[in-house]
Amino acid sequence: MPRGGARSKSGPTKGTKYAPSIRKAEAREAHRRVIEQFALRMIRSQVAAAIGIGHVYSRDQHGKFTRIENESVAHQLLTEGTEGKDYWIFMKDPSTAAFTDLMNRAFDKPKEQEQDITLAQDGPLVIRIEKPW
């Protein structure tokens, strides 16, 4: 009888899942279900961030700016009002990070390209490693 080495049929069977792994998978699934409810809204928000976001504000008699949330009120102000008097538009710049993330998700992340390095000097490149002792 040989001594040492692996013993047949010892240890957990292939595919056995341990309790921490099961809890982690359950938590991940619960997390996914919650996020799935808001996925369309989040995608629209990310697209808006990638394009750039405009906010319409009005000013009350005390000089306080109020953001217009109602689309019909904003449309009425934009068509009938005067900018700088009845309404103000404040813009948020487009987000390159949001654009990149959307493109990577929609069309897959582009493959990292190998870079050619050219040296300005003539002759071979010599790397010398010296002993520190």
N, C-alpha and C. Protein backbone atom coordinates (compact mmCIF):
# COMPACT_ATOMS: atom_id res chain seq x y z
N MET A 1 0.85 -1.18 0.00
CA MET A 1 0.00 0.00 0.00
C MET A 1 0.89 1.24 0.00
N PRO A 2 0.70 2.14 -1.00
CA PRO A 2 1.54 3.34 -1.06
C PRO A 2 1.23 4.31 0.08
N ARG A 3 2.25 5.07 0.43
CA ARG A 3 2.06 6.05 1.51
C ARG A 3 2.06 7.46 0.93
N GLY A 4 1.22 8.34 1.45
CA GLY A 4 1.17 9.73 1.03
C GLY A 4 0.42 9.92 -0.28
N GLY A 5 0.33 11.15 -0.71
CA GLY A 5 -0.36 11.46 -1.96
C GLY A 5 -1.86 11.62 -1.76
N ALA A 6 -2.54 11.87 -2.84
CA ALA A 6 -3.99 12.07 -2.79
C ALA A 6 -4.69 10.75 -2.53
N ARG A 7 -5.76 10.82 -1.78
CA ARG A 7 -6.55 9.62 -1.50
C ARG A 7 -7.82 9.69 -2.34
N SER A 8 -8.17 8.63 -2.97
CA SER A 8 -9.36 8.63 -3.81
C SER A 8 -10.61 8.79 -2.95
N LYS A 9 -11.58 9.50 -3.51
CA LYS A 9 -12.89 9.73 -2.87
C LYS A 9 -12.77 10.44 -1.54
N SER A 10 -11.74 11.26 -1.35
CA SER A 10 -11.63 12.04 -0.11
C SER A 10 -11.96 13.49 -0.44
N GLY A 11 -12.41 14.23 0.53
CA GLY A 11 -12.73 15.63 0.33
C GLY A 11 -14.12 15.81 -0.27
N PRO A 12 -14.51 17.04 -0.49
CA PRO A 12 -15.84 17.30 -1.02
C PRO A 12 -15.95 16.84 -2.48
N THR A 13 -17.16 16.46 -2.88
CA THR A 13 -17.37 16.05 -4.26
C THR A 13 -17.32 17.28 -5.16
N LYS A 14 -17.04 17.04 -6.42
CA LYS A 14 -16.92 18.15 -7.39
C LYS A 14 -18.24 18.89 -7.48
N GLY A 15 -18.17 20.21 -7.43
CA GLY A 15 -19.36 21.04 -7.52
C GLY A 15 -20.01 21.37 -6.19
N THR A 16 -19.43 20.91 -5.09
CA THR A 16 -19.99 21.21 -3.77
C THR A 16 -19.88 22.71 -3.50
N LYS A 17 -20.99 23.27 -3.00
CA LYS A 17 -20.98 24.70 -2.66
C LYS A 17 -21.05 24.83 -1.14
N TYR A 18 -20.19 25.69 -0.63
CA TYR A 18 -20.14 25.91 0.80
C TYR A 18 -21.11 27.02 1.19
N ALA A 19 -21.48 27.08 2.45
CA ALA A 19 -22.46 28.04 2.95
C ALA A 19 -22.11 29.49 2.62
N PRO A 20 -20.85 29.94 2.80
CA PRO A 20 -20.54 31.33 2.44
C PRO A 20 -20.76 31.62 0.95
N SER A 21 -20.46 30.65 0.11
CA SER A 21 -20.66 30.84 -1.33
C SER A 21 -22.15 30.93 -1.66
N ILE A 22 -22.94 30.11 -1.00
CA ILE A 22 -24.39 30.12 -1.23
C ILE A 22 -24.98 31.45 -0.77
N ARG A 23 -24.57 31.94 0.41
CA ARG A 23 -25.06 33.23 0.91
C ARG A 23 -24.67 34.36 -0.03
N LYS A 24 -23.45 34.32 -0.54
CA LYS A 24 -22.98 35.36 -1.46
C LYS A 24 -23.80 35.35 -2.75
N ALA A 25 -24.09 34.16 -3.28
CA ALA A 25 -24.89 34.05 -4.50
C ALA A 25 -26.31 34.54 -4.27
N GLU A 26 -26.89 34.23 -3.11
CA GLU A 26 -28.24 34.71 -2.79
C GLU A 26 -28.27 36.23 -2.66
N ALA A 27 -27.26 36.79 -2.01
CA ALA A 27 -27.19 38.26 -1.87
C ALA A 27 -27.04 38.92 -3.24
N ARG A 28 -26.20 38.33 -4.11
CA ARG A 28 -26.00 38.86 -5.45
C ARG A 28 -27.32 38.84 -6.25
N GLU A 29 -28.07 37.76 -6.12
CA GLU A 29 -29.35 37.63 -6.82
C GLU A 29 -30.36 38.65 -6.30
N ALA A 30 -30.43 38.85 -4.98
CA ALA A 30 -31.33 39.86 -4.40
C ALA A 30 -30.94 41.26 -4.89
N HIS A 31 -29.66 41.52 -4.92
CA HIS A 31 -29.15 42.80 -5.40
C HIS A 31 -29.54 43.01 -6.86
N ARG A 32 -29.38 41.96 -7.68
CA ARG A 32 -29.71 42.04 -9.10
C ARG A 32 -31.19 42.33 -9.31
N ARG A 33 -32.07 41.69 -8.50
CA ARG A 33 -33.52 41.92 -8.64
C ARG A 33 -33.89 43.36 -8.34
N VAL A 34 -33.28 43.95 -7.31
CA VAL A 34 -33.57 45.35 -6.97
C VAL A 34 -33.09 46.28 -8.08
N ILE A 35 -31.89 46.06 -8.55
CA ILE A 35 -31.32 46.92 -9.60
C ILE A 35 -32.11 46.77 -10.90
N GLU A 36 -32.59 45.56 -11.18
CA GLU A 36 -33.33 45.31 -12.41
C GLU A 36 -34.59 46.18 -12.50
N GLN A 37 -35.21 46.49 -11.36
CA GLN A 37 -36.40 47.33 -11.35
C GLN A 37 -36.11 48.75 -11.85
N PHE A 38 -34.89 49.21 -11.64
CA PHE A 38 -34.53 50.58 -11.99
C PHE A 38 -33.63 50.65 -13.22
N ALA A 39 -33.39 49.53 -13.89
CA ALA A 39 -32.41 49.47 -14.98
C ALA A 39 -32.73 50.47 -16.09
N LEU A 40 -33.97 50.53 -16.55
CA LEU A 40 -34.32 51.43 -17.65
C LEU A 40 -34.10 52.89 -17.25
N ARG A 41 -34.50 53.26 -16.04
CA ARG A 41 -34.29 54.64 -15.58
C ARG A 41 -32.80 54.96 -15.48
N MET A 42 -32.01 54.00 -14.98
CA MET A 42 -30.57 54.24 -14.84
C MET A 42 -29.90 54.37 -16.20
N ILE A 43 -30.32 53.54 -17.16
CA ILE A 43 -29.75 53.63 -18.51
C ILE A 43 -30.09 54.98 -19.12
N ARG A 44 -31.34 55.42 -18.98
CA ARG A 44 -31.73 56.73 -19.52
C ARG A 44 -30.93 57.85 -18.86
N SER A 45 -30.72 57.75 -17.55
CA SER A 45 -29.93 58.78 -16.85
C SER A 45 -28.50 58.78 -17.33
N GLN A 46 -27.94 57.60 -17.56
CA GLN A 46 -26.56 57.52 -18.02
C GLN A 46 -26.44 58.07 -19.44
N VAL A 47 -27.43 57.80 -20.28
CA VAL A 47 -27.43 58.37 -21.64
C VAL A 47 -27.52 59.89 -21.55
N ALA A 48 -28.40 60.39 -20.68
CA ALA A 48 -28.52 61.84 -20.52
C ALA A 48 -27.21 62.44 -20.03
N ALA A 49 -26.53 61.76 -19.11
CA ALA A 49 -25.24 62.26 -18.61
C ALA A 49 -24.20 62.24 -19.71
N ALA A 50 -24.24 61.23 -20.58
CA ALA A 50 -23.27 61.16 -21.68
C ALA A 50 -23.52 62.26 -22.70
N ILE A 51 -24.78 62.63 -22.90
CA ILE A 51 -25.12 63.69 -23.87
C ILE A 51 -24.90 65.07 -23.27
N GLY A 52 -25.22 65.21 -22.00
CA GLY A 52 -25.20 66.52 -21.34
C GLY A 52 -26.60 66.83 -20.87
N ILE A 53 -26.72 67.40 -19.72
CA ILE A 53 -28.03 67.60 -19.10
C ILE A 53 -28.32 69.10 -18.98
N GLY A 54 -29.52 69.50 -19.37
CA GLY A 54 -29.95 70.89 -19.20
C GLY A 54 -31.06 70.95 -18.17
N HIS A 55 -31.01 71.92 -17.29
CA HIS A 55 -32.05 72.11 -16.28
C HIS A 55 -32.66 73.49 -16.49
N VAL A 56 -33.99 73.55 -16.45
CA VAL A 56 -34.70 74.81 -16.59
C VAL A 56 -35.09 75.29 -15.20
N TYR A 57 -34.80 76.55 -14.92
CA TYR A 57 -35.13 77.16 -13.63
C TYR A 57 -35.97 78.41 -13.85
N SER A 58 -36.85 78.68 -12.89
CA SER A 58 -37.56 79.95 -12.88
C SER A 58 -37.17 80.68 -11.60
N ARG A 59 -37.50 81.94 -11.55
CA ARG A 59 -37.14 82.73 -10.37
C ARG A 59 -38.40 83.34 -9.79
N ASP A 60 -38.58 83.20 -8.48
CA ASP A 60 -39.77 83.77 -7.86
C ASP A 60 -39.54 85.24 -7.50
N GLN A 61 -40.55 85.88 -6.90
CA GLN A 61 -40.45 87.32 -6.60
C GLN A 61 -39.39 87.65 -5.57
N HIS A 62 -38.92 86.66 -4.80
CA HIS A 62 -37.88 86.87 -3.80
C HIS A 62 -36.49 86.64 -4.38
N GLY A 63 -36.41 86.25 -5.65
CA GLY A 63 -35.12 86.04 -6.30
C GLY A 63 -34.58 84.63 -6.17
N LYS A 64 -35.38 83.72 -5.62
CA LYS A 64 -34.93 82.34 -5.43
C LYS A 64 -35.18 81.54 -6.71
N PHE A 65 -34.12 80.80 -7.14
CA PHE A 65 -34.25 79.93 -8.31
C PHE A 65 -34.95 78.64 -7.91
N THR A 66 -35.89 78.21 -8.74
CA THR A 66 -36.60 76.96 -8.53
C THR A 66 -36.49 76.12 -9.79
N ARG A 67 -36.05 74.90 -9.63
CA ARG A 67 -35.92 73.99 -10.77
C ARG A 67 -37.30 73.53 -11.22
N ILE A 68 -37.54 73.60 -12.52
CA ILE A 68 -38.82 73.19 -13.09
C ILE A 68 -38.77 71.69 -13.35
N GLU A 69 -39.60 70.94 -12.63
CA GLU A 69 -39.65 69.49 -12.76
C GLU A 69 -40.74 69.06 -13.75
N ASN A 70 -41.79 69.86 -13.88
CA ASN A 70 -42.92 69.53 -14.74
C ASN A 70 -42.57 69.87 -16.19
N GLU A 71 -42.66 68.87 -17.06
CA GLU A 71 -42.26 69.06 -18.46
C GLU A 71 -43.17 70.05 -19.19
N SER A 72 -44.47 70.05 -18.89
CA SER A 72 -45.38 70.97 -19.58
C SER A 72 -45.12 72.41 -19.16
N VAL A 73 -44.79 72.64 -17.88
CA VAL A 73 -44.46 73.99 -17.41
C VAL A 73 -43.16 74.46 -18.06
N ALA A 74 -42.17 73.56 -18.13
CA ALA A 74 -40.90 73.91 -18.77
C ALA A 74 -41.12 74.24 -20.24
N HIS A 75 -41.95 73.44 -20.93
CA HIS A 75 -42.23 73.70 -22.35
C HIS A 75 -42.92 75.05 -22.53
N GLN A 76 -43.87 75.38 -21.64
CA GLN A 76 -44.56 76.66 -21.73
C GLN A 76 -43.59 77.82 -21.51
N LEU A 77 -42.71 77.71 -20.52
CA LEU A 77 -41.73 78.76 -20.28
C LEU A 77 -40.80 78.93 -21.47
N LEU A 78 -40.36 77.81 -22.06
CA LEU A 78 -39.43 77.88 -23.18
C LEU A 78 -40.07 78.46 -24.43
N THR A 79 -41.36 78.24 -24.64
CA THR A 79 -42.02 78.74 -25.86
C THR A 79 -42.56 80.15 -25.68
N GLU A 80 -43.04 80.48 -24.49
CA GLU A 80 -43.69 81.78 -24.29
C GLU A 80 -42.83 82.78 -23.53
N GLY A 81 -41.88 82.29 -22.75
CA GLY A 81 -41.11 83.19 -21.89
C GLY A 81 -39.85 83.71 -22.57
N THR A 82 -39.13 84.54 -21.83
CA THR A 82 -37.88 85.12 -22.31
C THR A 82 -36.75 84.61 -21.42
N GLU A 83 -35.71 84.08 -22.06
CA GLU A 83 -34.58 83.57 -21.29
C GLU A 83 -33.88 84.72 -20.58
N GLY A 84 -33.54 84.52 -19.32
CA GLY A 84 -32.89 85.54 -18.52
C GLY A 84 -33.89 86.40 -17.77
N LYS A 85 -35.17 86.31 -18.14
CA LYS A 85 -36.22 87.06 -17.45
C LYS A 85 -37.22 86.10 -16.81
N ASP A 86 -37.77 85.19 -17.62
CA ASP A 86 -38.77 84.24 -17.13
C ASP A 86 -38.17 82.89 -16.76
N TYR A 87 -37.10 82.51 -17.42
CA TYR A 87 -36.48 81.23 -17.15
C TYR A 87 -34.99 81.31 -17.39
N TRP A 88 -34.26 80.37 -16.78
CA TRP A 88 -32.82 80.25 -16.96
C TRP A 88 -32.51 78.78 -17.24
N ILE A 89 -31.54 78.55 -18.08
CA ILE A 89 -31.12 77.19 -18.38
C ILE A 89 -29.68 77.03 -17.90
N PHE A 90 -29.47 76.04 -17.06
CA PHE A 90 -28.13 75.72 -16.59
C PHE A 90 -27.77 74.35 -17.14
N MET A 91 -26.60 74.22 -17.70
CA MET A 91 -26.19 72.98 -18.36
C MET A 91 -25.15 72.23 -17.54
N LYS A 92 -25.18 70.95 -17.67
CA LYS A 92 -24.13 70.10 -17.12
C LYS A 92 -23.41 69.50 -18.32
N ASP A 93 -22.09 69.59 -18.31
CA ASP A 93 -21.31 69.09 -19.43
C ASP A 93 -21.51 67.59 -19.63
N PRO A 94 -21.36 67.13 -20.87
CA PRO A 94 -21.43 65.70 -21.12
C PRO A 94 -20.34 64.96 -20.35
N SER A 95 -20.65 63.75 -19.94
CA SER A 95 -19.71 62.93 -19.17
C SER A 95 -19.03 61.93 -20.09
N THR A 96 -17.73 62.05 -20.24
CA THR A 96 -16.97 61.11 -21.06
C THR A 96 -16.99 59.73 -20.43
N ALA A 97 -16.94 59.66 -19.11
CA ALA A 97 -16.95 58.36 -18.43
C ALA A 97 -18.28 57.63 -18.68
N ALA A 98 -19.40 58.36 -18.62
CA ALA A 98 -20.70 57.74 -18.89
C ALA A 98 -20.78 57.27 -20.33
N PHE A 99 -20.29 58.08 -21.26
CA PHE A 99 -20.28 57.70 -22.67
C PHE A 99 -19.45 56.44 -22.89
N THR A 100 -18.25 56.40 -22.31
CA THR A 100 -17.36 55.24 -22.46
C THR A 100 -18.01 53.99 -21.90
N ASP A 101 -18.63 54.11 -20.72
CA ASP A 101 -19.26 52.95 -20.11
C ASP A 101 -20.42 52.45 -20.96
N LEU A 102 -21.25 53.36 -21.49
CA LEU A 102 -22.35 52.95 -22.36
C LEU A 102 -21.85 52.24 -23.61
N MET A 103 -20.83 52.80 -24.23
CA MET A 103 -20.30 52.20 -25.45
C MET A 103 -19.69 50.82 -25.17
N ASN A 104 -18.98 50.69 -24.04
CA ASN A 104 -18.39 49.40 -23.69
C ASN A 104 -19.46 48.35 -23.44
N ARG A 105 -20.58 48.76 -22.84
CA ARG A 105 -21.65 47.80 -22.56
C ARG A 105 -22.41 47.45 -23.83
N ALA A 106 -22.61 48.41 -24.70
CA ALA A 106 -23.39 48.16 -25.92
C ALA A 106 -22.59 47.42 -26.99
N PHE A 107 -21.32 47.76 -27.14
CA PHE A 107 -20.53 47.22 -28.24
C PHE A 107 -19.31 46.44 -27.79
N ASP A 108 -19.23 46.06 -26.55
CA ASP A 108 -18.08 45.37 -25.97
C ASP A 108 -16.88 46.31 -25.87
N LYS A 109 -16.11 46.09 -24.85
CA LYS A 109 -14.92 46.92 -24.62
C LYS A 109 -13.90 46.64 -25.72
N PRO A 110 -13.35 47.69 -26.31
CA PRO A 110 -12.36 47.47 -27.36
C PRO A 110 -11.11 46.79 -26.82
N LYS A 111 -10.51 45.98 -27.66
CA LYS A 111 -9.30 45.26 -27.28
C LYS A 111 -8.16 46.26 -27.11
N GLU A 112 -7.38 46.05 -26.06
CA GLU A 112 -6.22 46.90 -25.84
C GLU A 112 -5.21 46.64 -26.95
N GLN A 113 -4.76 47.68 -27.59
CA GLN A 113 -3.83 47.54 -28.70
C GLN A 113 -2.40 47.55 -28.19
N GLU A 114 -1.57 46.74 -28.83
CA GLU A 114 -0.15 46.77 -28.49
C GLU A 114 0.46 48.06 -29.02
N GLN A 115 1.36 48.62 -28.27
CA GLN A 115 1.97 49.87 -28.64
C GLN A 115 3.40 49.62 -29.13
N ASP A 116 3.73 50.25 -30.24
CA ASP A 116 5.11 50.19 -30.71
C ASP A 116 5.89 51.30 -30.03
N ILE A 117 7.06 50.97 -29.54
CA ILE A 117 7.91 51.96 -28.88
C ILE A 117 9.14 52.15 -29.74
N THR A 118 9.39 53.40 -30.08
CA THR A 118 10.59 53.69 -30.85
C THR A 118 11.52 54.52 -29.98
N LEU A 119 12.79 54.24 -30.09
CA LEU A 119 13.79 54.95 -29.30
C LEU A 119 14.44 56.03 -30.17
N ALA A 120 14.76 57.13 -29.54
CA ALA A 120 15.35 58.24 -30.26
C ALA A 120 16.85 58.03 -30.51
N GLN A 121 17.46 57.09 -29.83
CA GLN A 121 18.90 56.90 -29.99
C GLN A 121 19.19 55.77 -30.98
N ASP A 122 20.35 55.83 -31.58
CA ASP A 122 20.77 54.75 -32.47
C ASP A 122 21.47 53.68 -31.65
N GLY A 123 21.42 52.46 -32.12
CA GLY A 123 22.12 51.37 -31.44
C GLY A 123 21.18 50.58 -30.57
N PRO A 124 21.68 49.51 -30.01
CA PRO A 124 20.84 48.62 -29.22
C PRO A 124 20.53 49.20 -27.84
N LEU A 125 19.41 48.75 -27.29
CA LEU A 125 19.03 49.15 -25.95
C LEU A 125 19.71 48.19 -24.98
N VAL A 126 20.45 48.74 -24.03
CA VAL A 126 21.18 47.92 -23.07
C VAL A 126 20.60 48.18 -21.69
N ILE A 127 20.18 47.11 -21.02
CA ILE A 127 19.70 47.22 -19.66
C ILE A 127 20.68 46.52 -18.76
N ARG A 128 21.20 47.22 -17.78
CA ARG A 128 22.20 46.68 -16.89
C ARG A 128 21.61 46.58 -15.48
N ILE A 129 21.65 45.40 -14.94
CA ILE A 129 21.15 45.18 -13.58
C ILE A 129 22.37 44.98 -12.69
N GLU A 130 22.46 45.85 -11.70
CA GLU A 130 23.60 45.76 -10.80
C GLU A 130 23.17 45.14 -9.49
N LYS A 131 24.07 44.39 -8.89
CA LYS A 131 23.78 43.77 -7.61
C LYS A 131 23.73 44.85 -6.55
N PRO A 132 22.70 44.80 -5.67
CA PRO A 132 22.61 45.84 -4.63
C PRO A 132 23.58 45.61 -3.49
N TRP A 133 24.28 44.50 -3.44
CA TRP A 133 25.20 44.20 -2.33
C TRP A 133 26.62 44.33 -2.70
